[in-house]
N, C-alpha and C. Protein backbone atom coordinates (compact mmCIF):
# COMPACT_ATOMS: atom_id res chain seq x y z
N MET A 1 -13.04 11.09 10.91
CA MET A 1 -12.62 10.68 9.84
C MET A 1 -10.69 10.26 10.52
N ALA A 2 -11.47 8.64 9.92
CA ALA A 2 -9.62 7.78 9.94
C ALA A 2 -8.31 8.13 10.08
N HIS A 3 -8.20 8.90 9.15
CA HIS A 3 -6.96 9.44 8.82
C HIS A 3 -6.76 10.89 9.11
N GLY A 4 -7.87 11.44 10.01
CA GLY A 4 -7.26 13.13 10.79
C GLY A 4 -6.99 13.94 9.02
N TRP A 5 -6.76 13.50 8.72
CA TRP A 5 -6.68 15.06 7.42
C TRP A 5 -8.06 15.63 6.68
N THR A 6 -8.27 17.38 6.73
CA THR A 6 -9.65 17.72 6.23
C THR A 6 -8.91 17.95 4.87
N ALA A 7 -9.68 17.63 3.58
CA ALA A 7 -9.42 17.70 2.35
C ALA A 7 -9.46 19.68 2.70
N THR A 8 -8.19 20.66 1.64
CA THR A 8 -8.79 22.19 1.93
C THR A 8 -10.15 22.18 0.71
N LYS A 9 -10.20 21.54 -0.21
CA LYS A 9 -11.84 21.76 -0.68
C LYS A 9 -13.30 21.97 0.62
N GLU A 10 -12.98 21.05 0.95
CA GLU A 10 -14.35 21.12 2.41
C GLU A 10 -14.24 22.74 3.79
N ALA A 11 -12.48 21.82 3.89
CA ALA A 11 -12.26 23.53 4.96
C ALA A 11 -11.40 23.29 5.19
N LEU A 12 -11.08 25.12 5.79
CA LEU A 12 -9.27 25.30 6.01
C LEU A 12 -9.33 25.52 6.86
N PRO A 13 -8.00 25.25 7.96
CA PRO A 13 -7.46 25.63 9.53
C PRO A 13 -7.76 27.46 10.18
N PRO A 14 -7.92 27.48 10.96
CA PRO A 14 -7.88 28.81 11.56
C PRO A 14 -6.83 29.85 10.62
N ALA A 15 -6.77 30.44 10.68
CA ALA A 15 -5.82 31.05 10.66
C ALA A 15 -4.71 31.82 11.45
N GLY A 16 -3.62 31.21 11.19
CA GLY A 16 -2.33 31.61 11.40
C GLY A 16 -2.27 30.11 12.62
N GLU A 17 -2.82 29.90 12.74
CA GLU A 17 -2.48 28.62 13.47
C GLU A 17 -2.12 26.74 12.94
N LYS A 18 -0.63 26.69 13.10
CA LYS A 18 -0.20 25.97 12.68
C LYS A 18 0.24 24.35 12.86
N VAL A 19 0.09 23.62 11.27
CA VAL A 19 -0.77 23.09 10.59
C VAL A 19 0.71 22.24 10.30
N LEU A 20 -0.46 20.99 9.80
CA LEU A 20 0.50 19.83 8.66
C LEU A 20 -0.70 20.14 6.95
N ILE A 21 0.85 20.12 5.57
CA ILE A 21 -0.38 20.50 4.58
C ILE A 21 0.38 18.97 4.35
N ILE A 22 -0.04 18.75 3.24
CA ILE A 22 0.28 18.11 2.18
C ILE A 22 0.03 18.46 0.76
N SER A 23 1.45 18.69 0.81
CA SER A 23 0.64 19.83 -1.69
C SER A 23 0.33 18.88 -2.88
N LYS A 24 0.29 20.11 -3.28
CA LYS A 24 -0.57 18.89 -4.18
C LYS A 24 1.30 17.71 -5.53
N TRP A 25 2.30 18.26 -4.50
CA TRP A 25 3.79 18.01 -5.30
C TRP A 25 3.73 16.42 -4.30
N GLY A 26 3.43 15.83 -3.69
CA GLY A 26 3.75 14.99 -2.57
C GLY A 26 4.32 15.36 -1.65
N HIS A 27 4.45 16.09 -0.94
CA HIS A 27 5.61 17.22 0.01
C HIS A 27 4.47 16.77 1.29
N VAL A 28 4.94 16.20 2.69
CA VAL A 28 3.69 16.90 4.42
C VAL A 28 4.75 18.45 5.23
N SER A 29 5.08 19.14 5.09
CA SER A 29 5.13 20.03 5.63
C SER A 29 4.37 21.06 6.72
N ASP A 30 4.76 22.26 7.13
CA ASP A 30 4.37 22.72 8.82
C ASP A 30 3.98 23.61 7.26
N GLY A 31 2.83 24.41 8.09
CA GLY A 31 2.43 26.08 6.93
C GLY A 31 1.20 26.59 8.05
N SER A 32 1.00 27.89 7.92
CA SER A 32 -0.50 28.07 8.49
C SER A 32 -1.03 29.60 7.88
N LEU A 33 -2.36 29.23 7.54
CA LEU A 33 -2.57 30.27 6.13
C LEU A 33 -2.24 31.84 7.40
N VAL A 34 -2.89 31.88 6.95
CA VAL A 34 -2.43 33.85 6.08
C VAL A 34 -3.01 34.18 5.26
N ALA A 35 -4.44 35.43 5.30
CA ALA A 35 -4.16 36.23 4.46
C ALA A 35 -4.24 37.71 4.60
N TYR A 36 -2.78 37.65 3.58
CA TYR A 36 -1.90 38.63 3.45
C TYR A 36 -2.33 40.03 2.83
N ASP A 37 -3.83 39.84 1.98
CA ASP A 37 -4.59 40.91 1.29
C ASP A 37 -6.49 41.35 2.31
N PRO A 38 -6.89 41.45 2.72
CA PRO A 38 -7.55 40.75 3.26
C PRO A 38 -9.05 40.81 1.40
N LYS A 39 -8.22 41.62 0.63
CA LYS A 39 -9.25 41.24 -1.24
C LYS A 39 -9.26 40.49 -1.54
N GLU A 40 -8.10 39.58 -0.70
CA GLU A 40 -7.68 38.21 -2.30
C GLU A 40 -7.89 36.40 -0.43
N ALA A 41 -8.13 35.65 -1.26
CA ALA A 41 -8.29 34.44 -0.44
C ALA A 41 -7.08 34.57 -0.77
N PRO A 42 -6.70 33.67 1.08
CA PRO A 42 -5.59 33.38 2.59
C PRO A 42 -4.68 32.49 1.42
N LEU A 43 -3.73 32.94 1.80
CA LEU A 43 -2.33 30.98 1.71
C LEU A 43 -1.45 30.66 2.72
N PHE A 44 -0.93 29.39 2.49
CA PHE A 44 -0.75 29.01 3.42
C PHE A 44 2.09 29.87 2.99
N ARG A 45 2.13 30.59 4.59
CA ARG A 45 2.89 30.28 4.50
C ARG A 45 3.52 29.59 5.18
N PRO A 46 4.46 29.33 4.88
CA PRO A 46 5.81 30.09 5.21
C PRO A 46 6.27 30.23 3.18
N ASP A 47 5.30 29.56 2.05
CA ASP A 47 6.19 29.65 0.40
C ASP A 47 4.48 30.35 -0.53
N GLY A 48 3.72 30.95 0.25
CA GLY A 48 2.07 31.63 -0.50
C GLY A 48 2.04 30.42 -1.20
N LEU A 49 1.48 29.28 -0.96
CA LEU A 49 0.81 28.43 -1.14
C LEU A 49 -1.02 28.19 -1.66
N GLU A 50 -2.01 28.17 -2.83
CA GLU A 50 -3.20 28.30 -2.09
C GLU A 50 -3.83 27.16 -1.98
N PRO A 51 -4.85 27.44 -1.26
CA PRO A 51 -5.69 26.30 -0.72
C PRO A 51 -6.51 25.69 -2.37
N ASP A 52 -6.84 24.19 -2.36
CA ASP A 52 -6.86 23.83 -3.51
C ASP A 52 -6.39 23.64 -3.95
N VAL A 53 -5.39 24.59 -4.46
CA VAL A 53 -4.40 24.41 -5.88
C VAL A 53 -3.28 23.79 -5.78
N HIS A 54 -2.25 24.22 -4.38
CA HIS A 54 -0.94 24.06 -4.39
C HIS A 54 -1.22 22.82 -3.24
N VAL A 55 -2.20 23.39 -2.22
CA VAL A 55 -1.88 23.00 -0.63
C VAL A 55 -3.56 22.22 -0.77
N LYS A 56 -3.75 20.75 -0.94
CA LYS A 56 -4.92 19.33 -0.59
C LYS A 56 -5.55 19.28 0.24
N TRP A 57 -4.65 19.17 1.17
CA TRP A 57 -4.57 17.88 2.42
C TRP A 57 -4.11 18.71 4.10
N TRP A 58 -5.70 19.19 4.87
CA TRP A 58 -4.58 19.59 6.23
C TRP A 58 -5.04 19.01 7.03
N MET A 59 -3.79 18.78 8.44
CA MET A 59 -4.12 18.53 9.89
C MET A 59 -3.57 19.40 10.53
N PRO A 60 -3.99 19.35 12.56
CA PRO A 60 -4.19 20.13 13.25
C PRO A 60 -2.35 19.73 13.46
N MET A 61 -2.12 19.60 14.32
CA MET A 61 0.07 19.40 14.12
C MET A 61 -0.48 18.78 14.93
N LEU A 62 0.85 17.71 15.09
CA LEU A 62 1.43 17.11 15.98
C LEU A 62 2.70 16.85 16.95
N GLU A 63 2.16 17.09 18.03
CA GLU A 63 2.87 17.64 19.11
C GLU A 63 3.12 15.60 20.08
N ASN A 64 3.40 14.86 19.73
CA ASN A 64 3.48 13.53 20.47
C ASN A 64 4.05 13.12 19.41
N GLY A 65 5.15 11.92 19.60
CA GLY A 65 5.64 11.15 19.05
C GLY A 65 6.31 10.99 18.92
N TRP A 66 7.25 12.23 18.63
CA TRP A 66 8.51 12.83 18.43
C TRP A 66 10.16 11.66 18.50
N HIS A 67 10.40 12.12 18.08
CA HIS A 67 11.93 10.83 18.58
C HIS A 67 13.19 11.45 17.93
N THR A 68 13.80 11.92 19.67
CA THR A 68 16.04 12.55 19.51
C THR A 68 16.02 11.08 18.22
N LEU A 69 17.17 12.20 16.71
CA LEU A 69 17.10 11.30 16.49
C LEU A 69 18.76 10.59 16.94
N LYS A 70 19.58 11.13 17.82
CA LYS A 70 20.08 11.02 18.70
C LYS A 70 19.92 9.63 19.59
N GLU A 71 18.99 9.69 19.82
CA GLU A 71 18.76 7.95 20.44
C GLU A 71 17.76 6.67 19.71
N GLN A 72 17.79 6.88 18.45
CA GLN A 72 16.62 6.74 17.99
C GLN A 72 16.34 6.27 16.39
N LYS A 73 16.70 5.78 15.52
CA LYS A 73 16.48 6.18 14.14
C LYS A 73 15.29 5.22 13.84
N PRO A 74 14.58 5.97 12.35
CA PRO A 74 13.85 5.23 11.99
C PRO A 74 14.17 4.12 11.22
N ARG A 75 13.49 2.29 10.75
CA ARG A 75 13.64 1.13 10.42
C ARG A 75 13.84 2.12 8.89
N GLU A 76 14.29 1.43 8.74
CA GLU A 76 14.71 1.22 7.16
C GLU A 76 14.05 1.31 6.02
N GLY A 77 14.08 2.40 4.79
CA GLY A 77 12.59 2.56 5.15
C GLY A 77 11.68 3.14 4.62
N GLN A 78 11.60 3.45 5.67
CA GLN A 78 10.77 3.79 6.41
C GLN A 78 9.93 5.26 5.94
N GLU A 79 8.94 5.99 5.63
CA GLU A 79 8.68 7.24 5.19
C GLU A 79 8.30 7.89 7.60
N VAL A 80 8.89 8.59 7.26
CA VAL A 80 8.53 9.47 8.82
C VAL A 80 9.00 11.49 8.91
N LEU A 81 7.47 12.11 9.59
CA LEU A 81 8.44 12.91 8.59
C LEU A 81 9.10 13.16 9.82
N THR A 82 10.07 14.78 10.12
CA THR A 82 11.69 15.11 10.50
C THR A 82 11.63 16.80 10.83
N LYS A 83 12.21 17.26 11.38
CA LYS A 83 11.43 18.71 12.47
C LYS A 83 13.38 18.91 12.90
N ASP A 84 13.20 20.25 12.61
CA ASP A 84 14.36 20.58 12.54
C ASP A 84 14.35 21.96 14.28
N SER A 85 15.53 22.07 14.55
CA SER A 85 15.43 22.88 14.85
C SER A 85 15.03 24.15 16.04
N TYR A 86 14.77 24.42 14.59
CA TYR A 86 13.08 25.50 14.53
C TYR A 86 11.86 25.49 13.79
N GLY A 87 11.77 23.69 14.36
CA GLY A 87 10.54 22.87 14.27
C GLY A 87 9.59 22.92 12.97
N HIS A 88 10.47 23.03 12.00
CA HIS A 88 10.29 23.20 10.84
C HIS A 88 9.85 21.63 11.06
N ILE A 89 8.88 21.37 10.04
CA ILE A 89 8.39 19.95 9.71
C ILE A 89 8.43 19.11 8.16
N PHE A 90 9.00 18.39 7.07
CA PHE A 90 8.88 18.04 6.23
C PHE A 90 8.63 16.26 6.33
N SER A 91 8.39 15.73 5.13
CA SER A 91 8.38 14.02 4.91
C SER A 91 9.60 13.72 4.63
N CYS A 92 9.95 12.49 4.80
CA CYS A 92 11.41 12.42 4.14
C CYS A 92 11.44 10.53 4.35
N VAL A 93 12.15 9.83 3.95
CA VAL A 93 12.03 8.26 4.56
C VAL A 93 13.88 8.15 4.68
N TRP A 94 13.78 7.04 5.15
CA TRP A 94 14.80 6.81 6.05
C TRP A 94 15.62 5.47 5.79
N LYS A 95 16.80 6.12 4.35
CA LYS A 95 17.15 5.08 3.28
C LYS A 95 18.70 4.33 3.06
N ARG A 96 19.01 3.81 2.42
CA ARG A 96 20.59 3.84 2.21
C ARG A 96 21.04 4.86 0.65
N LEU A 97 21.15 5.97 0.48
CA LEU A 97 21.80 6.29 -0.72
C LEU A 97 22.57 5.45 -1.78
N CYS A 98 22.55 5.19 -2.69
CA CYS A 98 23.20 3.93 -3.73
C CYS A 98 24.93 4.11 -2.94
N GLY A 99 26.19 3.06 -2.70
CA GLY A 99 26.79 3.66 -2.55
C GLY A 99 26.99 3.83 -1.15
N SER A 100 26.54 4.57 -0.51
CA SER A 100 26.11 4.45 1.08
C SER A 100 26.68 3.48 2.00
N GLU A 101 27.15 3.63 3.10
CA GLU A 101 27.25 2.58 4.82
C GLU A 101 25.94 2.14 4.85
N HIS A 102 25.80 4.44 5.34
CA HIS A 102 24.79 4.54 6.15
C HIS A 102 23.37 5.50 5.53
N PRO A 103 21.87 4.64 6.72
CA PRO A 103 21.13 5.54 6.08
C PRO A 103 20.90 6.66 6.35
N THR A 104 19.86 7.50 5.21
CA THR A 104 19.86 9.20 5.92
C THR A 104 18.79 9.45 5.13
N PHE A 105 17.99 10.08 5.61
CA PHE A 105 17.21 11.16 5.50
C PHE A 105 17.31 11.15 3.44
N VAL A 106 16.39 11.53 2.96
CA VAL A 106 15.57 12.04 2.40
C VAL A 106 14.78 12.31 1.91
N PRO A 107 14.54 13.73 0.71
CA PRO A 107 15.24 13.90 0.62
C PRO A 107 16.11 14.78 1.76
N PHE A 108 17.10 15.21 1.69
CA PHE A 108 17.83 16.19 2.83
C PHE A 108 17.24 16.83 2.82
N VAL A 109 16.93 18.09 2.98
CA VAL A 109 16.20 19.10 3.70
C VAL A 109 16.55 19.79 4.03
N TRP A 110 17.17 19.95 5.73
CA TRP A 110 18.09 20.54 6.97
C TRP A 110 18.74 19.88 7.60
N VAL A 111 18.83 19.84 8.96
CA VAL A 111 19.26 18.85 9.60
C VAL A 111 19.19 17.77 10.71
N THR A 112 18.59 17.31 10.49
CA THR A 112 17.10 17.22 11.33
C THR A 112 17.45 16.28 12.81
N ARG A 113 16.50 16.90 13.76
CA ARG A 113 17.31 17.14 15.27
C ARG A 113 15.87 15.30 15.97
N PHE A 114 14.45 15.75 15.23
CA PHE A 114 13.80 14.30 15.41
C PHE A 114 13.26 14.01 14.72
N TRP A 115 12.26 12.96 15.17
CA TRP A 115 11.57 12.46 13.13
C TRP A 115 10.29 11.31 13.68
N ARG A 116 9.58 11.32 13.85
CA ARG A 116 7.92 10.23 14.37
C ARG A 116 7.36 9.99 12.87
N GLU A 117 6.88 8.68 13.33
CA GLU A 117 6.46 8.10 12.37
C GLU A 117 5.18 8.15 11.31
N MET A 118 5.14 8.66 10.38
CA MET A 118 4.73 9.11 9.69
C MET A 118 2.89 9.24 10.29
N PRO A 119 1.60 9.80 9.68
CA PRO A 119 -0.02 10.05 10.03
C PRO A 119 -0.03 9.36 8.71
N PRO A 120 -0.76 8.62 9.55
CA PRO A 120 -2.40 7.72 8.67
C PRO A 120 -2.72 8.23 7.11
N LEU A 121 -2.41 8.75 6.14
CA LEU A 121 -2.39 9.84 4.97
C LEU A 121 -4.00 9.25 4.18
N PRO A 122 -4.61 9.92 3.27
CA PRO A 122 -5.92 10.25 2.94
C PRO A 122 -5.85 9.58 1.83
N ASP A 123 -6.34 8.33 1.65
CA ASP A 123 -7.14 7.34 -0.02
C ASP A 123 -6.24 8.43 -0.89
N GLY A 124 -5.28 7.77 -1.58
CA GLY A 124 -5.14 7.95 -2.83
C GLY A 124 -3.59 8.77 -2.88
N VAL A 125 -2.88 8.91 -1.82
CA VAL A 125 -2.49 10.18 -2.08
C VAL A 125 -0.66 8.96 -1.46
N LYS A 126 -0.16 9.53 -2.26
CA LYS A 126 1.96 9.58 -2.76
C LYS A 126 2.28 10.03 -2.02
N LEU A 127 3.43 9.86 -0.73
CA LEU A 127 4.40 10.50 -0.79
C LEU A 127 5.19 11.13 -2.10
N ASN A 128 6.25 11.79 -2.75
CA ASN A 128 7.72 11.26 -3.23
C ASN A 128 8.20 11.76 -3.11
N TYR A 129 9.50 11.48 -2.54
CA TYR A 129 11.01 12.04 -2.09
C TYR A 129 11.81 11.83 -3.06
N GLY A 130 11.78 11.89 -4.64
CA GLY A 130 12.31 11.63 -5.15
C GLY A 130 13.52 11.66 -5.37
N GLY A 131 15.29 11.48 -6.31
CA GLY A 131 15.81 11.46 -5.54
C GLY A 131 15.70 9.00 -6.03
N GLY A 132 14.59 9.37 -7.74
CA GLY A 132 14.29 7.38 -7.74
C GLY A 132 14.40 6.51 -6.97
N GLN A 133 12.45 7.22 -6.04
CA GLN A 133 12.07 6.55 -5.14
C GLN A 133 11.38 4.78 -6.12
N GLU A 134 11.51 3.51 -5.45
CA GLU A 134 10.90 2.96 -5.95
C GLU A 134 9.72 2.89 -6.28
């Protein structure tokens, strides 16, 4: 598959393995599949999201291609994945907010230390950045 994503209705990642997920709300973040109760279906932690209900796609974690924000900034308007000091990942766009002189990551989720280009997304997936996105 060219984009590297797997639909959760087709297959699930190995339990406990940290992966990237795309939620139905249009966000990419990190998560791992966990069976909290053996009698119930597994959920993606840390948020308790259900496969194929809340999480639509997953792909193996991307280890390469990360840039240090101090050393290199994204292009203005570029969709990226951001990572904090603890390894948490979230999708953002690098842009100027109204009245701001300098671009920032939108939405602001945490203090970003690293960023990388967004991997190709599955057909039809549109990410949501809030804040009056174009």
